[in-house]
Every structure is written in structure tokens, then in C-alpha cells.
Amino acid sequence: MLDIFKKPIKKEIAELSNQILNVIVKNGFETDSCGIKDGNEIIAEYLTQNELGLAYEHLEYMISEIELNLDSEQTKKMIFIAEKLGIKK
């Protein structure tokens, strides 16, 4: 596939965070953590400021904090984004 048809990394992070936050809400996860309650706004702010690494790290934090099991597609996207950002796992 040509690179011009791929989504920008910002959009990949935003879409994945929305998917994960929808899963959190759908499963009725309750928390007092502002980092999770306001996760969408926090990630959006990082993306607005071009802090893509921080947006990714916050998404990782939310996933680990609630011990969410990602499906295979979400896992692939997390790996893809980490590689694009040069984050070693």
C-alpha cells in the first residue's frame, strides 16, 4: 500500500483511544482515577500539542491500569504505533 493512503499516526492514536475508551465505558469500569475518567481529553490534548509519545503512553497507562485485554487488532495497532513512534517494547 502506498504511504499516501495510510492514516496519519495522530489519527491512528485517536481512533484506537476512542475504541479502548468505548470498551471501558461498555464494560462499566468504575474508577476515581482522573487519568482514566478524563482519558479521552488528556489524549486529545497531547495530540493537539503534537506530543504523540505522551498520548501513546497515556493510552498504555489506561490499558494497564484497568487490566484491559486487547483484541488482536488492537494489539497490532498498539505495536504499529509504538514502532512508528520509535518506542521500544
Protein backbone atom coordinates (compact mmCIF):
# COMPACT_ATOMS: atom_id res chain seq x y z
CA MET A 1 0.00 0.00 0.00
CA LEU A 2 1.26 3.47 -0.81
CA ASP A 3 2.13 5.67 2.17
CA ILE A 4 -0.20 8.40 0.92
CA PHE A 5 -3.17 6.16 1.66
CA LYS A 6 -2.15 5.35 5.23
CA LYS A 7 -3.70 7.20 8.14
CA PRO A 8 -1.58 9.78 9.94
CA ILE A 9 -0.21 8.44 13.23
CA LYS A 10 -2.23 11.06 15.16
CA LYS A 11 -5.41 9.65 13.67
CA GLU A 12 -4.32 6.07 14.47
CA ILE A 13 -3.79 7.02 18.13
CA ALA A 14 -7.07 8.95 18.34
CA GLU A 15 -9.11 6.13 16.80
CA LEU A 16 -7.53 3.46 18.98
CA SER A 17 -8.02 5.51 22.14
CA ASN A 18 -11.68 6.02 21.24
CA GLN A 19 -12.11 2.27 20.70
CA ILE A 20 -10.50 1.45 24.01
CA LEU A 21 -12.43 4.09 25.91
CA ASN A 22 -15.66 2.73 24.40
CA VAL A 23 -14.74 -0.72 25.70
CA ILE A 24 -14.06 0.74 29.15
CA VAL A 25 -17.46 2.50 29.20
CA LYS A 26 -19.28 -0.51 27.73
CA ASN A 27 -17.86 -2.79 30.42
CA GLY A 28 -18.93 -0.35 33.14
CA PHE A 29 -15.47 0.09 34.60
CA GLU A 30 -15.71 2.40 37.61
CA THR A 31 -12.74 4.39 38.85
CA ASP A 32 -11.83 7.52 40.73
CA SER A 33 -8.75 7.96 38.57
CA CYS A 34 -8.90 11.23 36.64
CA GLY A 35 -6.36 9.75 34.26
CA ILE A 36 -8.95 7.24 33.13
CA LYS A 37 -12.14 9.29 33.56
CA ASP A 38 -10.63 12.13 31.54
CA GLY A 39 -8.50 9.86 29.35
CA ASN A 40 -10.06 10.96 26.09
CA GLU A 41 -9.48 14.64 26.85
CA ILE A 42 -5.93 14.01 28.07
CA ILE A 43 -5.01 12.07 24.94
CA ALA A 44 -6.70 14.64 22.69
CA GLU A 45 -4.71 17.42 24.37
CA TYR A 46 -1.44 15.54 23.89
CA LEU A 47 -2.30 15.01 20.22
CA THR A 48 -3.16 18.69 19.80
CA GLN A 49 0.25 19.59 21.23
CA ASN A 50 1.97 17.03 18.94
CA GLU A 51 3.05 15.04 21.99
CA LEU A 52 2.37 11.71 20.28
CA GLY A 53 4.61 9.71 22.60
CA LEU A 54 2.81 11.05 25.67
CA ALA A 55 -0.57 10.29 24.08
CA TYR A 56 0.57 6.72 23.42
CA GLU A 57 1.98 6.34 26.94
CA HIS A 58 -1.27 7.58 28.47
CA LEU A 59 -3.20 5.08 26.39
CA GLU A 60 -0.88 2.35 27.65
CA TYR A 61 -1.42 3.58 31.22
CA MET A 62 -5.18 3.34 30.87
CA ILE A 63 -4.98 -0.17 29.43
CA SER A 64 -2.68 -1.42 32.17
CA GLU A 65 -4.49 0.39 34.99
CA ILE A 66 -7.76 -1.39 34.32
CA GLU A 67 -6.03 -4.57 33.14
CA LEU A 68 -7.88 -4.46 29.83
CA ASN A 69 -7.24 -7.35 27.46
CA LEU A 70 -6.94 -6.00 23.94
CA ASP A 71 -8.20 -7.96 20.98
CA SER A 72 -5.70 -8.97 18.30
CA GLU A 73 -6.45 -5.98 16.07
CA GLN A 74 -6.00 -3.51 18.93
CA THR A 75 -2.75 -5.22 19.92
CA LYS A 76 -1.47 -4.94 16.34
CA LYS A 77 -2.35 -1.25 16.29
CA MET A 78 -0.55 -0.64 19.59
CA ILE A 79 2.56 -2.36 18.22
CA PHE A 80 2.31 -0.46 14.92
CA ILE A 81 2.00 2.90 16.69
CA ALA A 82 4.88 2.12 19.06
CA GLU A 83 7.08 1.20 16.10
CA LYS A 84 6.14 4.37 14.21
CA LEU A 85 6.95 6.46 17.28
CA GLY A 86 10.22 4.60 17.88
CA ILE A 87 9.06 3.28 21.24
CA LYS A 88 10.83 0.06 22.10
CA LYS A 89 8.81 -2.65 23.79
